[in-house]
């Protein structure tokens, strides 16, 4: 009886080790994920500033759609690793945010009496 139990246990262990080997081979045969493109430190700083500026303008209901679109374009360029485009779009977003915030100080337009 113990010999039968030993044989069944051995067969089960061999079967399990074979399954483990299949997973290891499958994982190693898959190509490694491509490295994510990186952007320069200056571009990352500009992107971070633009994100903070947009968040601030949004909280004050002064966010222009052009600033929001420029931030999205900067984020897309960052995913592609294009530092020059990130810098350009992030600066545009920050500039439009500054103009939107300045617009809050304009006098209200009065129509009629």
PDB file of N, CA and C in Angstrom:
ATOM      1  N   UNK A   1       0.822  -1.186   0.000  1.00  0.00           N
ATOM      2  CA  UNK A   1       0.000   0.000   0.000  1.00  0.00           C
ATOM      3  C   UNK A   1       0.865   1.248   0.000  1.00  0.00           C
ATOM      4  N   UNK A   2       1.940   1.230   0.812  1.00  0.00           N
ATOM      5  CA  UNK A   2       2.807   2.397   0.881  1.00  0.00           C
ATOM      6  C   UNK A   2       3.559   2.597  -0.433  1.00  0.00           C
ATOM      7  N   UNK A   3       3.847   1.502  -1.155  1.00  0.00           N
ATOM      8  CA  UNK A   3       4.525   1.636  -2.442  1.00  0.00           C
ATOM      9  C   UNK A   3       3.596   2.307  -3.467  1.00  0.00           C
ATOM     10  N   UNK A   4       2.327   2.000  -3.413  1.00  0.00           N
ATOM     11  CA  UNK A   4       1.361   2.602  -4.327  1.00  0.00           C
ATOM     12  C   UNK A   4       1.226   4.092  -4.011  1.00  0.00           C
ATOM     13  N   UNK A   5       1.158   4.421  -2.733  1.00  0.00           N
ATOM     14  CA  UNK A   5       1.052   5.814  -2.319  1.00  0.00           C
ATOM     15  C   UNK A   5       2.290   6.597  -2.740  1.00  0.00           C
ATOM     16  N   UNK A   6       3.460   5.981  -2.588  1.00  0.00           N
ATOM     17  CA  UNK A   6       4.716   6.612  -2.994  1.00  0.00           C
ATOM     18  C   UNK A   6       4.741   6.838  -4.503  1.00  0.00           C
ATOM     19  N   UNK A   7       4.265   5.882  -5.268  1.00  0.00           N
ATOM     20  CA  UNK A   7       4.236   5.996  -6.722  1.00  0.00           C
ATOM     21  C   UNK A   7       3.275   7.110  -7.156  1.00  0.00           C
ATOM     22  N   UNK A   8       2.101   7.188  -6.533  1.00  0.00           N
ATOM     23  CA  UNK A   8       1.138   8.230  -6.879  1.00  0.00           C
ATOM     24  C   UNK A   8       1.664   9.614  -6.511  1.00  0.00           C
ATOM     25  N   UNK A   9       2.309   9.722  -5.367  1.00  0.00           N
ATOM     26  CA  UNK A   9       2.880  10.996  -4.938  1.00  0.00           C
ATOM     27  C   UNK A   9       3.974  11.438  -5.900  1.00  0.00           C
ATOM     28  N   UNK A  10       4.819  10.498  -6.287  1.00  0.00           N
ATOM     29  CA  UNK A  10       5.898  10.818  -7.229  1.00  0.00           C
ATOM     30  C   UNK A  10       5.338  11.270  -8.577  1.00  0.00           C
ATOM     31  N   UNK A  11       4.308  10.586  -9.042  1.00  0.00           N
ATOM     32  CA  UNK A  11       3.703  10.945 -10.322  1.00  0.00           C
ATOM     33  C   UNK A  11       3.083  12.347 -10.244  1.00  0.00           C
ATOM     34  N   UNK A  12       2.444  12.653  -9.130  1.00  0.00           N
ATOM     35  CA  UNK A  12       1.836  13.970  -8.966  1.00  0.00           C
ATOM     36  C   UNK A  12       2.907  15.052  -8.939  1.00  0.00           C
ATOM     37  N   UNK A  13       4.002  14.817  -8.250  1.00  0.00           N
ATOM     38  CA  UNK A  13       5.086  15.797  -8.186  1.00  0.00           C
ATOM     39  C   UNK A  13       5.729  16.014  -9.553  1.00  0.00           C
ATOM     40  N   UNK A  14       5.903  14.938 -10.300  1.00  0.00           N
ATOM     41  CA  UNK A  14       6.464  15.078 -11.640  1.00  0.00           C
ATOM     42  C   UNK A  14       5.519  15.886 -12.530  1.00  0.00           C
ATOM     43  N   UNK A  15       4.237  15.640 -12.406  1.00  0.00           N
ATOM     44  CA  UNK A  15       3.257  16.384 -13.205  1.00  0.00           C
ATOM     45  C   UNK A  15       3.264  17.866 -12.859  1.00  0.00           C
ATOM     46  N   UNK A  16       3.352  18.159 -11.564  1.00  0.00           N
ATOM     47  CA  UNK A  16       3.380  19.555 -11.147  1.00  0.00           C
ATOM     48  C   UNK A  16       4.666  20.250 -11.569  1.00  0.00           C
ATOM     49  N   UNK A  17       5.775  19.546 -11.499  1.00  0.00           N
ATOM     50  CA  UNK A  17       7.028  20.178 -11.904  1.00  0.00           C
ATOM     51  C   UNK A  17       7.042  20.438 -13.406  1.00  0.00           C
ATOM     52  N   UNK A  18       6.382  19.566 -14.162  1.00  0.00           N
ATOM     53  CA  UNK A  18       6.268  19.789 -15.602  1.00  0.00           C
ATOM     54  C   UNK A  18       5.446  21.024 -15.908  1.00  0.00           C
ATOM     55  N   UNK A  19       4.376  21.242 -15.159  1.00  0.00           N
ATOM     56  CA  UNK A  19       3.538  22.438 -15.355  1.00  0.00           C
ATOM     57  C   UNK A  19       4.312  23.696 -14.994  1.00  0.00           C
ATOM     58  N   UNK A  20       5.096  23.628 -13.939  1.00  0.00           N
ATOM     59  CA  UNK A  20       5.893  24.789 -13.538  1.00  0.00           C
ATOM     60  C   UNK A  20       6.925  25.117 -14.606  1.00  0.00           C
ATOM     61  N   UNK A  21       7.489  24.104 -15.212  1.00  0.00           N
ATOM     62  CA  UNK A  21       8.455  24.327 -16.269  1.00  0.00           C
ATOM     63  C   UNK A  21       7.822  24.960 -17.496  1.00  0.00           C
ATOM     64  N   UNK A  22       6.587  24.592 -17.779  1.00  0.00           N
ATOM     65  CA  UNK A  22       5.895  25.179 -18.931  1.00  0.00           C
ATOM     66  C   UNK A  22       5.669  26.671 -18.722  1.00  0.00           C
ATOM     67  N   UNK A  23       5.291  27.069 -17.522  1.00  0.00           N
ATOM     68  CA  UNK A  23       5.075  28.480 -17.245  1.00  0.00           C
ATOM     69  C   UNK A  23       6.375  29.258 -17.341  1.00  0.00           C
ATOM     70  N   UNK A  24       7.444  28.685 -16.881  1.00  0.00           N
ATOM     71  CA  UNK A  24       8.732  29.368 -16.934  1.00  0.00           C
ATOM     72  C   UNK A  24       9.163  29.579 -18.381  1.00  0.00           C
ATOM     73  N   UNK A  25       8.963  28.563 -19.227  1.00  0.00           N
ATOM     74  CA  UNK A  25       9.334  28.697 -20.632  1.00  0.00           C
ATOM     75  C   UNK A  25       8.452  29.716 -21.342  1.00  0.00           C
ATOM     76  N   UNK A  26       7.186  29.729 -21.023  1.00  0.00           N
ATOM     77  CA  UNK A  26       6.272  30.676 -21.654  1.00  0.00           C
ATOM     78  C   UNK A  26       6.642  32.098 -21.286  1.00  0.00           C
ATOM     79  N   UNK A  27       6.964  32.316 -20.024  1.00  0.00           N
ATOM     80  CA  UNK A  27       7.312  33.662 -19.579  1.00  0.00           C
ATOM     81  C   UNK A  27       8.614  34.127 -20.212  1.00  0.00           C
ATOM     82  N   UNK A  28       9.572  33.232 -20.349  1.00  0.00           N
ATOM     83  CA  UNK A  28      10.859  33.645 -20.898  1.00  0.00           C
ATOM     84  C   UNK A  28      10.809  33.813 -22.413  1.00  0.00           C
ATOM     85  N   UNK A  29       9.853  33.146 -23.083  1.00  0.00           N
ATOM     86  CA  UNK A  29       9.772  33.272 -24.533  1.00  0.00           C
ATOM     87  C   UNK A  29       9.080  34.561 -24.964  1.00  0.00           C
ATOM     88  N   UNK A  30       8.348  35.208 -24.044  1.00  0.00           N
ATOM     89  CA  UNK A  30       7.686  36.461 -24.387  1.00  0.00           C
ATOM     90  C   UNK A  30       8.721  37.579 -24.400  1.00  0.00           C
ATOM     91  N   UNK A  31       8.626  38.480 -25.370  1.00  0.00           N
ATOM     92  CA  UNK A  31       9.590  39.578 -25.410  1.00  0.00           C
ATOM     93  C   UNK A  31       9.398  40.509 -24.216  1.00  0.00           C
ATOM     94  N   UNK A  32      10.490  41.043 -23.762  1.00  0.00           N
ATOM     95  CA  UNK A  32      10.431  41.989 -22.646  1.00  0.00           C
ATOM     96  C   UNK A  32       9.721  43.256 -23.112  1.00  0.00           C
ATOM     97  N   UNK A  33       8.999  43.883 -22.209  1.00  0.00           N
ATOM     98  CA  UNK A  33       8.294  45.115 -22.544  1.00  0.00           C
ATOM     99  C   UNK A  33       9.318  46.189 -22.905  1.00  0.00           C
ATOM    100  N   UNK A  34       9.025  46.903 -23.949  1.00  0.00           N
ATOM    101  CA  UNK A  34       9.942  47.943 -24.410  1.00  0.00           C
ATOM    102  C   UNK A  34      10.099  49.011 -23.330  1.00  0.00           C
ATOM    103  N   UNK A  35      11.304  49.524 -23.223  1.00  0.00           N
ATOM    104  CA  UNK A  35      11.580  50.565 -22.236  1.00  0.00           C
ATOM    105  C   UNK A  35      10.779  51.818 -22.583  1.00  0.00           C
ATOM    106  N   UNK A  36      10.209  52.442 -21.572  1.00  0.00           N
ATOM    107  CA  UNK A  36       9.404  53.638 -21.785  1.00  0.00           C
ATOM    108  C   UNK A  36      10.329  54.802 -22.103  1.00  0.00           C
ATOM    109  N   UNK A  37      10.029  55.564 -23.161  1.00  0.00           N
ATOM    110  CA  UNK A  37      10.885  56.698 -23.500  1.00  0.00           C
ATOM    111  C   UNK A  37      10.887  57.721 -22.364  1.00  0.00           C
ATOM    112  N   UNK A  38      12.018  58.352 -22.179  1.00  0.00           N
ATOM    113  CA  UNK A  38      12.126  59.351 -21.119  1.00  0.00           C
ATOM    114  C   UNK A  38      12.323  60.730 -21.731  1.00  0.00           C
ATOM    115  N   UNK A  39      12.015  61.729 -20.922  1.00  0.00           N
ATOM    116  CA  UNK A  39      12.196  63.112 -21.360  1.00  0.00           C
ATOM    117  C   UNK A  39      13.248  63.758 -20.481  1.00  0.00           C
ATOM    118  N   UNK A  40      13.734  64.905 -20.908  1.00  0.00           N
ATOM    119  CA  UNK A  40      14.785  65.593 -20.163  1.00  0.00           C
ATOM    120  C   UNK A  40      14.244  66.125 -18.837  1.00  0.00           C
ATOM    121  N   UNK A  41      15.148  66.458 -17.955  1.00  0.00           N
ATOM    122  CA  UNK A  41      14.781  66.983 -16.637  1.00  0.00           C
ATOM    123  C   UNK A  41      14.033  68.304 -16.788  1.00  0.00           C
ATOM    124  N   UNK A  42      14.503  69.144 -17.708  1.00  0.00           N
ATOM    125  CA  UNK A  42      13.850  70.433 -17.935  1.00  0.00           C
ATOM    126  C   UNK A  42      12.421  70.246 -18.441  1.00  0.00           C
ATOM    127  N   UNK A  43      12.245  69.297 -19.351  1.00  0.00           N
ATOM    128  CA  UNK A  43      10.917  69.024 -19.890  1.00  0.00           C
ATOM    129  C   UNK A  43       9.995  68.484 -18.797  1.00  0.00           C
ATOM    130  N   UNK A  44      10.512  67.619 -17.939  1.00  0.00           N
ATOM    131  CA  UNK A  44       9.708  67.085 -16.844  1.00  0.00           C
ATOM    132  C   UNK A  44       9.301  68.189 -15.878  1.00  0.00           C
ATOM    133  N   UNK A  45      10.234  69.114 -15.600  1.00  0.00           N
ATOM    134  CA  UNK A  45       9.928  70.238 -14.706  1.00  0.00           C
ATOM    135  C   UNK A  45       8.849  71.133 -15.314  1.00  0.00           C
ATOM    136  N   UNK A  46       8.942  71.393 -16.612  1.00  0.00           N
ATOM    137  CA  UNK A  46       7.945  72.221 -17.292  1.00  0.00           C
ATOM    138  C   UNK A  46       6.581  71.527 -17.282  1.00  0.00           C
ATOM    139  N   UNK A  47       6.577  70.229 -17.486  1.00  0.00           N
ATOM    140  CA  UNK A  47       5.331  69.470 -17.472  1.00  0.00           C
ATOM    141  C   UNK A  47       4.698  69.495 -16.081  1.00  0.00           C
ATOM    142  N   UNK A  48       5.508  69.306 -15.054  1.00  0.00           N
ATOM    143  CA  UNK A  48       4.995  69.343 -13.677  1.00  0.00           C
ATOM    144  C   UNK A  48       4.419  70.716 -13.342  1.00  0.00           C
ATOM    145  N   UNK A  49       5.100  71.774 -13.784  1.00  0.00           N
ATOM    146  CA  UNK A  49       4.616  73.137 -13.540  1.00  0.00           C
ATOM    147  C   UNK A  49       3.292  73.369 -14.268  1.00  0.00           C
ATOM    148  N   UNK A  50       3.208  72.914 -15.502  1.00  0.00           N
ATOM    149  CA  UNK A  50       1.980  73.085 -16.275  1.00  0.00           C
ATOM    150  C   UNK A  50       0.814  72.338 -15.621  1.00  0.00           C
ATOM    151  N   UNK A  51       1.079  71.141 -15.121  1.00  0.00           N
ATOM    152  CA  UNK A  51       0.024  70.383 -14.433  1.00  0.00           C
ATOM    153  C   UNK A  51      -0.470  71.141 -13.207  1.00  0.00           C
ATOM    154  N   UNK A  52       0.460  71.689 -12.433  1.00  0.00           N
ATOM    155  CA  UNK A  52       0.087  72.446 -11.238  1.00  0.00           C
ATOM    156  C   UNK A  52      -0.676  73.713 -11.617  1.00  0.00           C
ATOM    157  N   UNK A  53      -0.229  74.388 -12.669  1.00  0.00           N
ATOM    158  CA  UNK A  53      -0.909  75.607 -13.120  1.00  0.00           C
ATOM    159  C   UNK A  53      -2.340  75.312 -13.563  1.00  0.00           C
ATOM    160  N   UNK A  54      -2.512  74.259 -14.328  1.00  0.00           N
ATOM    161  CA  UNK A  54      -3.835  73.889 -14.827  1.00  0.00           C
ATOM    162  C   UNK A  54      -4.753  73.517 -13.659  1.00  0.00           C
ATOM    163  N   UNK A  55      -4.210  72.800 -12.702  1.00  0.00           N
ATOM    164  CA  UNK A  55      -5.003  72.424 -11.528  1.00  0.00           C
ATOM    165  C   UNK A  55      -5.457  73.669 -10.768  1.00  0.00           C
ATOM    166  N   UNK A  56      -4.557  74.647 -10.625  1.00  0.00           N
ATOM    167  CA  UNK A  56      -4.883  75.884  -9.936  1.00  0.00           C
ATOM    168  C   UNK A  56      -5.968  76.656 -10.681  1.00  0.00           C
ATOM    169  N   UNK A  57      -5.815  76.771 -11.990  1.00  0.00           N
ATOM    170  CA  UNK A  57      -6.803  77.502 -12.789  1.00  0.00           C
ATOM    171  C   UNK A  57      -8.159  76.801 -12.759  1.00  0.00           C
ATOM    172  N   UNK A  58      -8.142  75.493 -12.794  1.00  0.00           N
ATOM    173  CA  UNK A  58      -9.396  74.748 -12.757  1.00  0.00           C
ATOM    174  C   UNK A  58     -10.112  74.979 -11.427  1.00  0.00           C
ATOM    175  N   UNK A  59      -9.362  75.054 -10.339  1.00  0.00           N
ATOM    176  CA  UNK A  59      -9.981  75.272  -9.031  1.00  0.00           C
ATOM    177  C   UNK A  59     -10.599  76.662  -8.914  1.00  0.00           C
ATOM    178  N   UNK A  60     -10.122  77.607  -9.731  1.00  0.00           N
ATOM    179  CA  UNK A  60     -10.649  78.982  -9.700  1.00  0.00           C
ATOM    180  C   UNK A  60     -11.616  79.256 -10.851  1.00  0.00           C
ATOM    181  N   UNK A  61     -11.993  78.197 -11.565  1.00  0.00           N
ATOM    182  CA  UNK A  61     -12.890  78.318 -12.730  1.00  0.00           C
ATOM    183  C   UNK A  61     -12.358  79.313 -13.751  1.00  0.00           C
ATOM    184  N   UNK A  62     -11.054  79.276 -13.986  1.00  0.00           N
ATOM    185  CA  UNK A  62     -10.430  80.193 -14.936  1.00  0.00           C
ATOM    186  C   UNK A  62      -9.619  79.436 -15.991  1.00  0.00           C
ATOM    187  N   UNK A  63      -9.926  78.159 -16.165  1.00  0.00           N
ATOM    188  CA  UNK A  63      -9.143  77.338 -17.094  1.00  0.00           C
ATOM    189  C   UNK A  63      -9.649  77.504 -18.518  1.00  0.00           C
ATOM    190  N   UNK A  64      -8.750  77.921 -19.384  1.00  0.00           N
ATOM    191  CA  UNK A  64      -9.070  78.018 -20.804  1.00  0.00           C
ATOM    192  C   UNK A  64      -8.921  76.633 -21.420  1.00  0.00           C
ATOM    193  N   UNK A  65      -9.749  76.350 -22.411  1.00  0.00           N
ATOM    194  CA  UNK A  65      -9.660  75.057 -23.078  1.00  0.00           C
ATOM    195  C   UNK A  65      -8.334  74.913 -23.827  1.00  0.00           C
ATOM    196  N   UNK A  66      -7.786  76.031 -24.292  1.00  0.00           N
ATOM    197  CA  UNK A  66      -6.507  75.954 -24.997  1.00  0.00           C
ATOM    198  C   UNK A  66      -5.388  75.513 -24.048  1.00  0.00           C
ATOM    199  N   UNK A  67      -5.472  75.923 -22.798  1.00  0.00           N
ATOM    200  CA  UNK A  67      -4.472  75.506 -21.814  1.00  0.00           C
ATOM    201  C   UNK A  67      -4.619  74.017 -21.521  1.00  0.00           C
ATOM    202  N   UNK A  68      -5.844  73.568 -21.400  1.00  0.00           N
ATOM    203  CA  UNK A  68      -6.103  72.143 -21.132  1.00  0.00           C
ATOM    204  C   UNK A  68      -5.640  71.283 -22.307  1.00  0.00           C
ATOM    205  N   UNK A  69      -5.909  71.753 -23.526  1.00  0.00           N
ATOM    206  CA  UNK A  69      -5.477  71.008 -24.718  1.00  0.00           C
ATOM    207  C   UNK A  69      -3.958  70.973 -24.834  1.00  0.00           C
ATOM    208  N   UNK A  70      -3.303  72.075 -24.505  1.00  0.00           N
ATOM    209  CA  UNK A  70      -1.840  72.114 -24.562  1.00  0.00           C
ATOM    210  C   UNK A  70      -1.244  71.158 -23.535  1.00  0.00           C
ATOM    211  N   UNK A  71      -1.854  71.066 -22.356  1.00  0.00           N
ATOM    212  CA  UNK A  71      -1.362  70.121 -21.340  1.00  0.00           C
ATOM    213  C   UNK A  71      -1.512  68.687 -21.824  1.00  0.00           C
ATOM    214  N   UNK A  72      -2.639  68.373 -22.438  1.00  0.00           N
ATOM    215  CA  UNK A  72      -2.843  67.020 -22.976  1.00  0.00           C
ATOM    216  C   UNK A  72      -1.803  66.710 -24.054  1.00  0.00           C
ATOM    217  N   UNK A  73      -1.508  67.691 -24.901  1.00  0.00           N
ATOM    218  CA  UNK A  73      -0.500  67.495 -25.951  1.00  0.00           C
ATOM    219  C   UNK A  73       0.875  67.289 -25.334  1.00  0.00           C
ATOM    220  N   UNK A  74       1.174  68.010 -24.250  1.00  0.00           N
ATOM    221  CA  UNK A  74       2.462  67.845 -23.571  1.00  0.00           C
ATOM    222  C   UNK A  74       2.572  66.460 -22.948  1.00  0.00           C
ATOM    223  N   UNK A  75       1.481  65.970 -22.370  1.00  0.00           N
ATOM    224  CA  UNK A  75       1.492  64.632 -21.772  1.00  0.00           C
ATOM    225  C   UNK A  75       1.667  63.552 -22.833  1.00  0.00           C
ATOM    226  N   UNK A  76       1.036  63.747 -23.973  1.00  0.00           N
ATOM    227  CA  UNK A  76       1.178  62.800 -25.081  1.00  0.00           C
ATOM    228  C   UNK A  76       2.616  62.786 -25.600  1.00  0.00           C
ATOM    229  N   UNK A  77       3.202  63.970 -25.717  1.00  0.00           N
ATOM    230  CA  UNK A  77       4.590  64.062 -26.173  1.00  0.00           C
ATOM    231  C   UNK A  77       5.533  63.427 -25.148  1.00  0.00           C
ATOM    232  N   UNK A  78       5.205  63.550 -23.870  1.00  0.00           N
ATOM    233  CA  UNK A  78       6.038  62.937 -22.827  1.00  0.00           C
ATOM    234  C   UNK A  78       6.007  61.419 -22.937  1.00  0.00           C
ATOM    235  N   UNK A  79       4.853  60.858 -23.272  1.00  0.00           N
ATOM    236  CA  UNK A  79       4.749  59.406 -23.450  1.00  0.00           C
ATOM    237  C   UNK A  79       5.608  58.935 -24.621  1.00  0.00           C
ATOM    238  N   UNK A  80       5.759  59.797 -25.625  1.00  0.00           N
ATOM    239  CA  UNK A  80       6.566  59.449 -26.794  1.00  0.00           C
ATOM    240  C   UNK A  80       8.037  59.769 -26.598  1.00  0.00           C
ATOM    241  N   UNK A  81       8.359  60.516 -25.524  1.00  0.00           N
ATOM    242  CA  UNK A  81       9.753  60.862 -25.253  1.00  0.00           C
ATOM    243  C   UNK A  81      10.240  62.081 -26.014  1.00  0.00           C
ATOM    244  N   UNK A  82       9.342  62.924 -26.478  1.00  0.00           N
ATOM    245  CA  UNK A  82       9.704  64.111 -27.256  1.00  0.00           C
ATOM    246  C   UNK A  82       9.823  65.322 -26.321  1.00  0.00           C
ATOM    247  N   UNK A  83      11.025  65.565 -25.821  1.00  0.00           N
ATOM    248  CA  UNK A  83      11.253  66.636 -24.841  1.00  0.00           C
ATOM    249  C   UNK A  83      10.956  68.020 -25.407  1.00  0.00           C
ATOM    250  N   UNK A  84      11.300  68.261 -26.665  1.00  0.00           N
ATOM    251  CA  UNK A  84      11.079  69.581 -27.259  1.00  0.00           C
ATOM    252  C   UNK A  84       9.584  69.901 -27.318  1.00  0.00           C
ATOM    253  N   UNK A  85       8.783  68.934 -27.736  1.00  0.00           N
ATOM    254  CA  UNK A  85       7.339  69.152 -27.807  1.00  0.00           C
ATOM    255  C   UNK A  85       6.744  69.315 -26.411  1.00  0.00           C
ATOM    256  N   UNK A  86       7.267  68.580 -25.451  1.00  0.00           N
ATOM    257  CA  UNK A  86       6.787  68.717 -24.072  1.00  0.00           C
ATOM    258  C   UNK A  86       7.046  70.127 -23.576  1.00  0.00           C
ATOM    259  N   UNK A  87       8.262  70.629 -23.803  1.00  0.00           N
ATOM    260  CA  UNK A  87       8.606  71.983 -23.357  1.00  0.00           C
ATOM    261  C   UNK A  87       7.685  73.010 -24.022  1.00  0.00           C
ATOM    262  N   UNK A  88       7.495  72.898 -25.328  1.00  0.00           N
ATOM    263  CA  UNK A  88       6.680  73.863 -26.067  1.00  0.00           C
ATOM    264  C   UNK A  88       5.238  73.859 -25.566  1.00  0.00           C
ATOM    265  N   UNK A  89       4.641  72.683 -25.465  1.00  0.00           N
ATOM    266  CA  UNK A  89       3.234  72.586 -25.074  1.00  0.00           C
ATOM    267  C   UNK A  89       3.024  72.927 -23.601  1.00  0.00           C
ATOM    268  N   UNK A  90       3.964  72.549 -22.744  1.00  0.00           N
ATOM    269  CA  UNK A  90       3.842  72.864 -21.316  1.00  0.00           C
ATOM    270  C   UNK A  90       3.941  74.365 -21.083  1.00  0.00           C
ATOM    271  N   UNK A  91       4.848  75.023 -21.807  1.00  0.00           N
ATOM    272  CA  UNK A  91       4.966  76.478 -21.674  1.00  0.00           C
ATOM    273  C   UNK A  91       3.713  77.170 -22.202  1.00  0.00           C
ATOM    274  N   UNK A  92       3.148  76.656 -23.289  1.00  0.00           N
ATOM    275  CA  UNK A  92       1.914  77.211 -23.833  1.00  0.00           C
ATOM    276  C   UNK A  92       0.775  77.061 -22.821  1.00  0.00           C
ATOM    277  N   UNK A  93       0.688  75.907 -22.195  1.00  0.00           N
ATOM    278  CA  UNK A  93      -0.354  75.678 -21.190  1.00  0.00           C
ATOM    279  C   UNK A  93      -0.187  76.642 -20.020  1.00  0.00           C
ATOM    280  N   UNK A  94       1.026  76.792 -19.521  1.00  0.00           N
ATOM    281  CA  UNK A  94       1.269  77.703 -18.396  1.00  0.00           C
ATOM    282  C   UNK A  94       0.965  79.145 -18.779  1.00  0.00           C
ATOM    283  N   UNK A  95       1.311  79.535 -20.007  1.00  0.00           N
ATOM    284  CA  UNK A  95       1.041  80.893 -20.483  1.00  0.00           C
ATOM    285  C   UNK A  95      -0.461  81.156 -20.555  1.00  0.00           C
ATOM    286  N   UNK A  96      -1.211  80.208 -21.084  1.00  0.00           N
ATOM    287  CA  UNK A  96      -2.657  80.389 -21.195  1.00  0.00           C
ATOM    288  C   UNK A  96      -3.331  80.361 -19.828  1.00  0.00           C
ATOM    289  N   UNK A  97      -2.776  79.600 -18.901  1.00  0.00           N
ATOM    290  CA  UNK A  97      -3.300  79.614 -17.535  1.00  0.00           C
ATOM    291  C   UNK A  97      -3.093  80.987 -16.912  1.00  0.00           C
ATOM    292  N   UNK A  98      -1.905  81.558 -17.103  1.00  0.00           N
ATOM    293  CA  UNK A  98      -1.616  82.881 -16.542  1.00  0.00           C
ATOM    294  C   UNK A  98      -2.579  83.922 -17.119  1.00  0.00           C
ATOM    295  N   UNK A  99      -2.866  83.830 -18.394  1.00  0.00           N
ATOM    296  CA  UNK A  99      -3.800  84.772 -19.014  1.00  0.00           C
ATOM    297  C   UNK A  99      -5.226  84.559 -18.517  1.00  0.00           C
ATOM    298  N   UNK A 100      -5.605  83.318 -18.317  1.00  0.00           N
ATOM    299  CA  UNK A 100      -6.932  83.025 -17.793  1.00  0.00           C
ATOM    300  C   UNK A 100      -7.101  83.536 -16.365  1.00  0.00           C
ATOM    301  N   UNK A 101      -6.050  83.393 -15.558  1.00  0.00           N
ATOM    302  CA  UNK A 101      -6.105  83.897 -14.180  1.00  0.00           C
ATOM    303  C   UNK A 101      -6.118  85.422 -14.163  1.00  0.00           C
ATOM    304  N   UNK A 102      -5.373  86.050 -15.075  1.00  0.00           N
ATOM    305  CA  UNK A 102      -5.367  87.514 -15.161  1.00  0.00           C
ATOM    306  C   UNK A 102      -6.742  88.031 -15.577  1.00  0.00           C
ATOM    307  N   UNK A 103      -7.437  87.250 -16.361  1.00  0.00           N
ATOM    308  CA  UNK A 103      -8.761  87.650 -16.831  1.00  0.00           C
ATOM    309  C   UNK A 103      -9.753  87.764 -15.674  1.00  0.00           C
ATOM    310  N   UNK A 104      -9.491  87.073 -14.582  1.00  0.00           N
ATOM    311  CA  UNK A 104     -10.365  87.169 -13.414  1.00  0.00           C
ATOM    312  C   UNK A 104     -10.375  88.577 -12.836  1.00  0.00           C
ATOM    313  N   UNK A 105      -9.306  89.326 -13.058  1.00  0.00           N
ATOM    314  CA  UNK A 105      -9.188  90.681 -12.518  1.00  0.00           C
ATOM    315  C   UNK A 105      -9.827  91.740 -13.404  1.00  0.00           C
ATOM    316  N   UNK A 106     -10.276  91.358 -14.576  1.00  0.00           N
ATOM    317  CA  UNK A 106     -10.912  92.318 -15.470  1.00  0.00           C
ATOM    318  C   UNK A 106     -12.254  92.745 -14.870  1.00  0.00           C
ATOM    319  N   UNK A 107     -12.672  93.976 -15.139  1.00  0.00           N
ATOM    320  CA  UNK A 107     -13.968  94.419 -14.611  1.00  0.00           C
ATOM    321  C   UNK A 107     -15.110  93.674 -15.314  1.00  0.00           C
ATOM    322  N   UNK A 108     -16.171  93.502 -14.593  1.00  0.00           N
ATOM    323  CA  UNK A 108     -17.339  92.835 -15.151  1.00  0.00           C
ATOM    324  C   UNK A 108     -17.951  93.721 -16.226  1.00  0.00           C
ATOM    325  N   UNK A 109     -18.412  93.132 -17.279  1.00  0.00           N
ATOM    326  CA  UNK A 109     -19.064  93.858 -18.357  1.00  0.00           C
ATOM    327  C   UNK A 109     -20.489  94.145 -17.942  1.00  0.00           C
ATOM    328  N   UNK A 110     -20.838  95.391 -17.948  1.00  0.00           N
ATOM    329  CA  UNK A 110     -22.171  95.789 -17.523  1.00  0.00           C
ATOM    330  C   UNK A 110     -22.992  96.123 -18.768  1.00  0.00           C
ATOM    331  N   UNK A 111     -24.117  95.439 -18.904  1.00  0.00           N
ATOM    332  CA  UNK A 111     -24.988  95.660 -20.052  1.00  0.00           C
ATOM    333  C   UNK A 111     -26.231  96.374 -19.535  1.00  0.00           C
ATOM    334  N   UNK A 112     -26.534  97.499 -20.125  1.00  0.00           N
ATOM    335  CA  UNK A 112     -27.716  98.251 -19.730  1.00  0.00           C
ATOM    336  C   UNK A 112     -27.484  99.040 -18.441  1.00  0.00           C
ATOM    337  N   UNK A 113     -28.560  99.555 -17.863  1.00  0.00           N
ATOM    338  CA  UNK A 113     -28.458 100.374 -16.644  1.00  0.00           C
ATOM    339  C   UNK A 113     -28.237  99.537 -15.451  1.00  0.00           C
TER     340      UNK A 113
END
